[in-house]
Every structure is written in C-alpha cells, then in structure tokens.
Amino acid sequence: MPESGKNDVRELIIQAAWNVFARFGFKKAAVDDIAEAAGKAKSSVYHYFKSKEEIFEIIVERESNAFMEEISNAVDGAGSPEDKIRAYVITRIKRVLRLMNRHSGLKDVYLDHFGFIEKFRKVHDKKEVQKVKEILQDGVKRGVFAGIDVDSLAELFVISLKGLEYEWANVGDFSEIEKTVNSNMDHLLYGIVKR
C-alpha cells in the first residue's frame, strides 16, 4: 500500500478511536469497538498501533497542541498585558469545558484517570507556564506589572487554573463561570489590598 494510503488508514483509525473514547471513555473502549467504528478488522488496528493506549496518546497529544494553539491565538490577538491574561483565562476555560461537554466519555478519562495522561499533562503544563511567563514578561517590560517573580507566578497561575477544572467541569455552564472569572479578574490583576 502506498505511504499516503497507509496514512489515510491510520488517520481513519485515530478518528474512529476519538469517537469511541468520547462515547465510552478510555477504560470501557475496546480495540474491537475502534475497529468496528473504523470499518476495519481488529488486526488492521494492531497493524498500525500497538494498543489502544498508543492511539489514546496520539489523541491526547493532538488535543494538547490544538489547546495551546487556541490559547496562543487568543493571547496574541489581545492588546494590553491585562487583556492577554483575561484572554488566556477565558480561552482556557472555554476550551476545557468544550472538550468535556463535546466528549462526555473523555470527561471521565480526564477527571478519573488523570494518572494515565500525567506525562502529557506535564509537557502541556510546561507550554502553558511558558505562555503565561511571556505575558507576564511583556507586562513587566511595558511597566504594567511590577515587583513580581515571573517564573513562580506563572507556575502558580497555571496550577491554580488546573485546580479549578474539576469544579468548572461539574458546573458546565460557561456563562456562570465567565461571570465569576470576570468579577474576580481585577482582584487577580490588581490585588486585594486597599491602596
């Protein structure tokens, strides 16, 4: 089979697996389900992939890349450092909720089987921390943010948002979450100490 044909079959299996994982969750999905959804024999799936774990890793990596691209586009399109922080937070929340709402089976993977994708989250978190550092460094350079430890604050920022994901996933209503974020964004940016 020509290389392009192999890539097409591989991609077909990945897309079928994405739908199967979204529907059943990682734990309940079987290679038989993926093969059936792709219209291929189970042996074809194993010809291209060692296991369902390998397919899932590819899906998680792709989703991580798309996630970061969406955040980068939103941040790069914002003007001031404050607007960049707002764009980052709102885009991040929307992306996480959209992923979980669109693919209910993945919500279980994301929340209940977090250890399985921990290595991917570490790589993704480093990218996110770097993006926040860039925003903060830009703010310092422009004289908007002062007296901050950019490295520590960027890491704290990302960890804090990750900690809220579970709560946000259970709320599900983005308009309520957005109100909360917007009403507290000034506190986040300007502090709570009376000046």
C-alpha atoms as a PDB file:
ATOM      1  CA  MET A   1       0.000   0.000   0.000  1.00  0.00           C
ATOM      2  CA  PRO A   2       1.379   3.460  -0.880  1.00  0.00           C
ATOM      3  CA  GLU A   3       2.501   5.656   2.049  1.00  0.00           C
ATOM      4  CA  SER A   4      -0.449   8.054   1.571  1.00  0.00           C
ATOM      5  CA  GLY A   5      -2.860   5.123   1.752  1.00  0.00           C
ATOM      6  CA  LYS A   6      -1.249   3.913   4.982  1.00  0.00           C
ATOM      7  CA  ASN A   7      -1.538   7.384   6.454  1.00  0.00           C
ATOM      8  CA  ASP A   8      -5.204   7.557   5.434  1.00  0.00           C
ATOM      9  CA  VAL A   9      -5.989   4.252   7.163  1.00  0.00           C
ATOM     10  CA  ARG A  10      -4.031   5.314  10.228  1.00  0.00           C
ATOM     11  CA  GLU A  11      -5.914   8.605  10.359  1.00  0.00           C
ATOM     12  CA  LEU A  12      -9.250   6.831   9.896  1.00  0.00           C
ATOM     13  CA  ILE A  13      -8.470   4.595  12.882  1.00  0.00           C
ATOM     14  CA  ILE A  14      -7.414   7.582  15.020  1.00  0.00           C
ATOM     15  CA  GLN A  15     -10.617   9.470  14.199  1.00  0.00           C
ATOM     16  CA  ALA A  16     -12.735   6.382  14.890  1.00  0.00           C
ATOM     17  CA  ALA A  17     -10.913   5.859  18.201  1.00  0.00           C
ATOM     18  CA  TRP A  18     -11.501   9.517  19.142  1.00  0.00           C
ATOM     19  CA  ASN A  19     -15.252   8.962  18.751  1.00  0.00           C
ATOM     20  CA  VAL A  20     -15.162   5.637  20.605  1.00  0.00           C
ATOM     21  CA  PHE A  21     -13.185   7.106  23.528  1.00  0.00           C
ATOM     22  CA  ALA A  22     -15.513  10.099  23.625  1.00  0.00           C
ATOM     23  CA  ARG A  23     -18.551   7.839  23.753  1.00  0.00           C
ATOM     24  CA  PHE A  24     -17.407   5.077  26.095  1.00  0.00           C
ATOM     25  CA  GLY A  25     -14.417   6.548  27.905  1.00  0.00           C
ATOM     26  CA  PHE A  26     -10.917   5.119  27.728  1.00  0.00           C
ATOM     27  CA  LYS A  27     -11.437   2.304  30.224  1.00  0.00           C
ATOM     28  CA  LYS A  28     -14.565   0.823  28.614  1.00  0.00           C
ATOM     29  CA  ALA A  29     -13.481   1.281  24.992  1.00  0.00           C
ATOM     30  CA  ALA A  30     -12.053  -1.829  23.359  1.00  0.00           C
ATOM     31  CA  VAL A  31      -9.918  -2.283  20.264  1.00  0.00           C
ATOM     32  CA  ASP A  32     -12.895  -4.216  18.826  1.00  0.00           C
ATOM     33  CA  ASP A  33     -15.014  -1.050  19.190  1.00  0.00           C
ATOM     34  CA  ILE A  34     -12.352   1.047  17.447  1.00  0.00           C
ATOM     35  CA  ALA A  35     -12.030  -1.472  14.602  1.00  0.00           C
ATOM     36  CA  GLU A  36     -15.794  -1.588  14.129  1.00  0.00           C
ATOM     37  CA  ALA A  37     -16.096   2.211  14.145  1.00  0.00           C
ATOM     38  CA  ALA A  38     -13.288   2.441  11.567  1.00  0.00           C
ATOM     39  CA  GLY A  39     -14.811  -0.293   9.400  1.00  0.00           C
ATOM     40  CA  LYS A  40     -11.608  -2.311   9.699  1.00  0.00           C
ATOM     41  CA  ALA A  41     -10.598  -5.671  11.105  1.00  0.00           C
ATOM     42  CA  LYS A  42      -9.131  -5.728  14.606  1.00  0.00           C
ATOM     43  CA  SER A  43      -5.870  -6.978  13.053  1.00  0.00           C
ATOM     44  CA  SER A  44      -5.728  -3.775  10.967  1.00  0.00           C
ATOM     45  CA  VAL A  45      -5.819  -1.680  14.122  1.00  0.00           C
ATOM     46  CA  TYR A  46      -2.948  -3.725  15.561  1.00  0.00           C
ATOM     47  CA  HIS A  47      -1.054  -3.417  12.267  1.00  0.00           C
ATOM     48  CA  TYR A  48      -0.893   0.368  12.747  1.00  0.00           C
ATOM     49  CA  PHE A  49      -0.902   0.648  16.545  1.00  0.00           C
ATOM     50  CA  LYS A  50       0.466  -1.452  19.404  1.00  0.00           C
ATOM     51  CA  SER A  51      -2.519  -0.794  21.673  1.00  0.00           C
ATOM     52  CA  LYS A  52      -5.456   1.452  22.419  1.00  0.00           C
ATOM     53  CA  GLU A  53      -3.105   3.278  24.806  1.00  0.00           C
ATOM     54  CA  GLU A  54      -0.893   4.285  21.887  1.00  0.00           C
ATOM     55  CA  ILE A  55      -3.890   5.622  19.967  1.00  0.00           C
ATOM     56  CA  PHE A  56      -5.082   7.499  23.020  1.00  0.00           C
ATOM     57  CA  GLU A  57      -1.635   9.046  23.483  1.00  0.00           C
ATOM     58  CA  ILE A  58      -1.764  10.381  19.916  1.00  0.00           C
ATOM     59  CA  ILE A  59      -5.212  11.852  20.531  1.00  0.00           C
ATOM     60  CA  VAL A  60      -4.133  13.489  23.791  1.00  0.00           C
ATOM     61  CA  GLU A  61      -1.035  14.953  22.137  1.00  0.00           C
ATOM     62  CA  ARG A  62      -3.080  16.374  19.268  1.00  0.00           C
ATOM     63  CA  GLU A  63      -5.626  17.841  21.647  1.00  0.00           C
ATOM     64  CA  SER A  64      -2.841  19.411  23.696  1.00  0.00           C
ATOM     65  CA  ASN A  65      -1.354  21.021  20.589  1.00  0.00           C
ATOM     66  CA  ALA A  66      -4.749  22.344  19.469  1.00  0.00           C
ATOM     67  CA  PHE A  67      -5.362  23.638  23.004  1.00  0.00           C
ATOM     68  CA  MET A  68      -2.106  25.590  23.008  1.00  0.00           C
ATOM     69  CA  GLU A  69      -2.703  26.930  19.507  1.00  0.00           C
ATOM     70  CA  GLU A  70      -6.111  28.275  20.517  1.00  0.00           C
ATOM     71  CA  ILE A  71      -4.664  29.908  23.641  1.00  0.00           C
ATOM     72  CA  SER A  72      -1.759  31.410  21.688  1.00  0.00           C
ATOM     73  CA  ASN A  73      -4.103  32.854  19.059  1.00  0.00           C
ATOM     74  CA  ALA A  74      -6.335  34.430  21.724  1.00  0.00           C
ATOM     75  CA  VAL A  75      -3.405  35.857  23.695  1.00  0.00           C
ATOM     76  CA  ASP A  76      -1.571  37.107  20.610  1.00  0.00           C
ATOM     77  CA  GLY A  77      -4.753  38.841  19.454  1.00  0.00           C
ATOM     78  CA  ALA A  78      -5.171  40.765  22.724  1.00  0.00           C
ATOM     79  CA  GLY A  79      -3.628  44.197  23.241  1.00  0.00           C
ATOM     80  CA  SER A  80      -2.574  45.008  26.787  1.00  0.00           C
ATOM     81  CA  PRO A  81      -0.949  42.546  29.192  1.00  0.00           C
ATOM     82  CA  GLU A  82      -4.142  42.655  31.287  1.00  0.00           C
ATOM     83  CA  ASP A  83      -6.207  41.757  28.208  1.00  0.00           C
ATOM     84  CA  LYS A  84      -3.760  38.971  27.406  1.00  0.00           C
ATOM     85  CA  ILE A  85      -4.234  37.478  30.888  1.00  0.00           C
ATOM     86  CA  ARG A  86      -8.027  37.721  30.510  1.00  0.00           C
ATOM     87  CA  ALA A  87      -7.848  36.144  27.040  1.00  0.00           C
ATOM     88  CA  TYR A  88      -5.703  33.320  28.387  1.00  0.00           C
ATOM     89  CA  VAL A  89      -8.024  32.535  31.303  1.00  0.00           C
ATOM     90  CA  ILE A  90     -11.297  32.760  29.351  1.00  0.00           C
ATOM     91  CA  THR A  91      -9.978  30.812  26.347  1.00  0.00           C
ATOM     92  CA  ARG A  92      -8.556  28.125  28.616  1.00  0.00           C
ATOM     93  CA  ILE A  93     -11.830  27.682  30.471  1.00  0.00           C
ATOM     94  CA  LYS A  94     -13.853  27.567  27.251  1.00  0.00           C
ATOM     95  CA  ARG A  95     -11.518  25.009  25.702  1.00  0.00           C
ATOM     96  CA  VAL A  96     -11.597  22.672  28.697  1.00  0.00           C
ATOM     97  CA  LEU A  97     -15.391  22.861  29.014  1.00  0.00           C
ATOM     98  CA  ARG A  98     -15.922  22.413  25.272  1.00  0.00           C
ATOM     99  CA  LEU A  99     -13.721  19.328  25.265  1.00  0.00           C
ATOM    100  CA  MET A 100     -15.529  17.811  28.228  1.00  0.00           C
ATOM    101  CA  ASN A 101     -19.033  18.677  27.037  1.00  0.00           C
ATOM    102  CA  ARG A 102     -18.459  17.523  23.472  1.00  0.00           C
ATOM    103  CA  HIS A 103     -16.878  14.268  24.528  1.00  0.00           C
ATOM    104  CA  SER A 104     -18.568  13.090  27.705  1.00  0.00           C
ATOM    105  CA  GLY A 105     -16.577   9.843  27.798  1.00  0.00           C
ATOM    106  CA  LEU A 106     -13.364  11.845  27.848  1.00  0.00           C
ATOM    107  CA  LYS A 107     -14.575  13.788  30.858  1.00  0.00           C
ATOM    108  CA  ASP A 108     -14.264  10.559  32.841  1.00  0.00           C
ATOM    109  CA  VAL A 109     -10.787   9.918  31.457  1.00  0.00           C
ATOM    110  CA  TYR A 110      -9.729  13.464  32.175  1.00  0.00           C
ATOM    111  CA  LEU A 111     -11.063  13.504  35.720  1.00  0.00           C
ATOM    112  CA  ASP A 112     -10.950   9.888  36.877  1.00  0.00           C
ATOM    113  CA  HIS A 113      -7.896   8.519  35.097  1.00  0.00           C
ATOM    114  CA  PHE A 114      -5.647  11.517  35.416  1.00  0.00           C
ATOM    115  CA  GLY A 115      -2.581   9.391  36.186  1.00  0.00           C
ATOM    116  CA  PHE A 116      -2.663   7.775  32.774  1.00  0.00           C
ATOM    117  CA  ILE A 117      -2.102  11.075  30.967  1.00  0.00           C
ATOM    118  CA  GLU A 118       0.113  12.672  33.607  1.00  0.00           C
ATOM    119  CA  LYS A 119       3.207  12.627  31.402  1.00  0.00           C
ATOM    120  CA  PHE A 120       1.335  14.512  28.700  1.00  0.00           C
ATOM    121  CA  ARG A 121      -0.033  16.980  31.191  1.00  0.00           C
ATOM    122  CA  LYS A 122       3.498  17.726  32.404  1.00  0.00           C
ATOM    123  CA  VAL A 123       4.629  18.588  28.882  1.00  0.00           C
ATOM    124  CA  HIS A 124       1.456  20.580  28.265  1.00  0.00           C
ATOM    125  CA  ASP A 125       1.766  22.392  31.608  1.00  0.00           C
ATOM    126  CA  LYS A 126       5.313  23.479  30.728  1.00  0.00           C
ATOM    127  CA  LYS A 127       3.983  25.004  27.498  1.00  0.00           C
ATOM    128  CA  GLU A 128       1.224  26.775  29.399  1.00  0.00           C
ATOM    129  CA  VAL A 129       3.594  28.092  32.046  1.00  0.00           C
ATOM    130  CA  GLN A 130       5.848  29.390  29.284  1.00  0.00           C
ATOM    131  CA  LYS A 131       2.906  31.199  27.640  1.00  0.00           C
ATOM    132  CA  VAL A 132       1.924  32.839  30.943  1.00  0.00           C
ATOM    133  CA  LYS A 133       5.571  33.792  31.558  1.00  0.00           C
ATOM    134  CA  GLU A 134       5.622  35.524  28.179  1.00  0.00           C
ATOM    135  CA  ILE A 135       2.506  37.513  29.120  1.00  0.00           C
ATOM    136  CA  LEU A 136       3.944  38.486  32.490  1.00  0.00           C
ATOM    137  CA  GLN A 137       7.331  39.386  30.992  1.00  0.00           C
ATOM    138  CA  ASP A 138       5.575  41.566  28.423  1.00  0.00           C
ATOM    139  CA  GLY A 139       3.681  43.265  31.255  1.00  0.00           C
ATOM    140  CA  VAL A 140       6.908  43.891  33.178  1.00  0.00           C
ATOM    141  CA  LYS A 141       8.622  45.200  30.047  1.00  0.00           C
ATOM    142  CA  ARG A 142       5.732  47.606  29.411  1.00  0.00           C
ATOM    143  CA  GLY A 143       5.750  48.751  33.039  1.00  0.00           C
ATOM    144  CA  VAL A 144       2.254  47.342  33.713  1.00  0.00           C
ATOM    145  CA  PHE A 145       3.321  44.605  36.138  1.00  0.00           C
ATOM    146  CA  ALA A 146       5.920  45.365  38.774  1.00  0.00           C
ATOM    147  CA  GLY A 147       7.632  43.572  41.623  1.00  0.00           C
ATOM    148  CA  ILE A 148       6.714  40.046  40.503  1.00  0.00           C
ATOM    149  CA  ASP A 149       8.660  36.817  40.300  1.00  0.00           C
ATOM    150  CA  VAL A 150       7.607  35.897  36.762  1.00  0.00           C
ATOM    151  CA  ASP A 151       8.672  32.233  36.984  1.00  0.00           C
ATOM    152  CA  SER A 152       6.884  31.483  40.259  1.00  0.00           C
ATOM    153  CA  LEU A 153       3.784  33.479  39.413  1.00  0.00           C
ATOM    154  CA  ALA A 154       3.385  31.819  36.006  1.00  0.00           C
ATOM    155  CA  GLU A 155       3.604  28.380  37.589  1.00  0.00           C
ATOM    156  CA  LEU A 156       1.177  29.315  40.361  1.00  0.00           C
ATOM    157  CA  PHE A 157      -1.242  30.728  37.806  1.00  0.00           C
ATOM    158  CA  VAL A 158      -1.356  27.533  35.748  1.00  0.00           C
ATOM    159  CA  ILE A 159      -1.582  25.276  38.819  1.00  0.00           C
ATOM    160  CA  SER A 160      -4.455  27.373  40.185  1.00  0.00           C
ATOM    161  CA  LEU A 161      -6.433  27.136  36.961  1.00  0.00           C
ATOM    162  CA  LYS A 162      -5.842  23.383  36.782  1.00  0.00           C
ATOM    163  CA  GLY A 163      -7.171  23.082  40.320  1.00  0.00           C
ATOM    164  CA  LEU A 164     -10.422  24.731  39.287  1.00  0.00           C
ATOM    165  CA  GLU A 165     -11.027  22.471  36.275  1.00  0.00           C
ATOM    166  CA  TYR A 166     -12.856  19.794  38.229  1.00  0.00           C
ATOM    167  CA  GLU A 167     -15.270  22.330  39.727  1.00  0.00           C
ATOM    168  CA  TRP A 168     -15.809  24.006  36.370  1.00  0.00           C
ATOM    169  CA  ALA A 169     -16.430  20.663  34.682  1.00  0.00           C
ATOM    170  CA  ASN A 170     -19.193  19.939  37.163  1.00  0.00           C
ATOM    171  CA  VAL A 171     -20.787  23.384  36.752  1.00  0.00           C
ATOM    172  CA  GLY A 172     -20.789  23.082  32.989  1.00  0.00           C
ATOM    173  CA  ASP A 173     -22.496  26.450  32.425  1.00  0.00           C
ATOM    174  CA  PHE A 174     -19.847  28.674  30.935  1.00  0.00           C
ATOM    175  CA  SER A 175     -21.822  31.905  31.384  1.00  0.00           C
ATOM    176  CA  GLU A 176     -21.790  31.436  35.177  1.00  0.00           C
ATOM    177  CA  ILE A 177     -18.102  30.613  35.196  1.00  0.00           C
ATOM    178  CA  GLU A 178     -17.327  33.597  32.957  1.00  0.00           C
ATOM    179  CA  LYS A 179     -19.204  35.941  35.330  1.00  0.00           C
ATOM    180  CA  THR A 180     -17.184  34.624  38.270  1.00  0.00           C
ATOM    181  CA  VAL A 181     -13.903  34.936  36.404  1.00  0.00           C
ATOM    182  CA  ASN A 182     -14.650  38.439  35.124  1.00  0.00           C
ATOM    183  CA  SER A 183     -15.805  39.684  38.518  1.00  0.00           C
ATOM    184  CA  ASN A 184     -12.616  38.388  40.138  1.00  0.00           C
ATOM    185  CA  MET A 185     -10.162  39.237  37.365  1.00  0.00           C
ATOM    186  CA  ASP A 186      -9.487  42.725  38.749  1.00  0.00           C
ATOM    187  CA  HIS A 187      -8.616  41.190  42.129  1.00  0.00           C
ATOM    188  CA  LEU A 188      -6.287  38.803  40.377  1.00  0.00           C
ATOM    189  CA  LEU A 189      -4.607  41.569  38.389  1.00  0.00           C
ATOM    190  CA  TYR A 190      -4.582  44.357  40.962  1.00  0.00           C
ATOM    191  CA  GLY A 191      -4.603  42.515  44.293  1.00  0.00           C
ATOM    192  CA  ILE A 192      -6.976  42.739  47.235  1.00  0.00           C
ATOM    193  CA  VAL A 193      -5.013  45.111  49.440  1.00  0.00           C
ATOM    194  CA  LYS A 194      -6.573  48.551  49.777  1.00  0.00           C
ATOM    195  CA  ARG A 195      -4.194  51.201  48.422  1.00  0.00           C
END
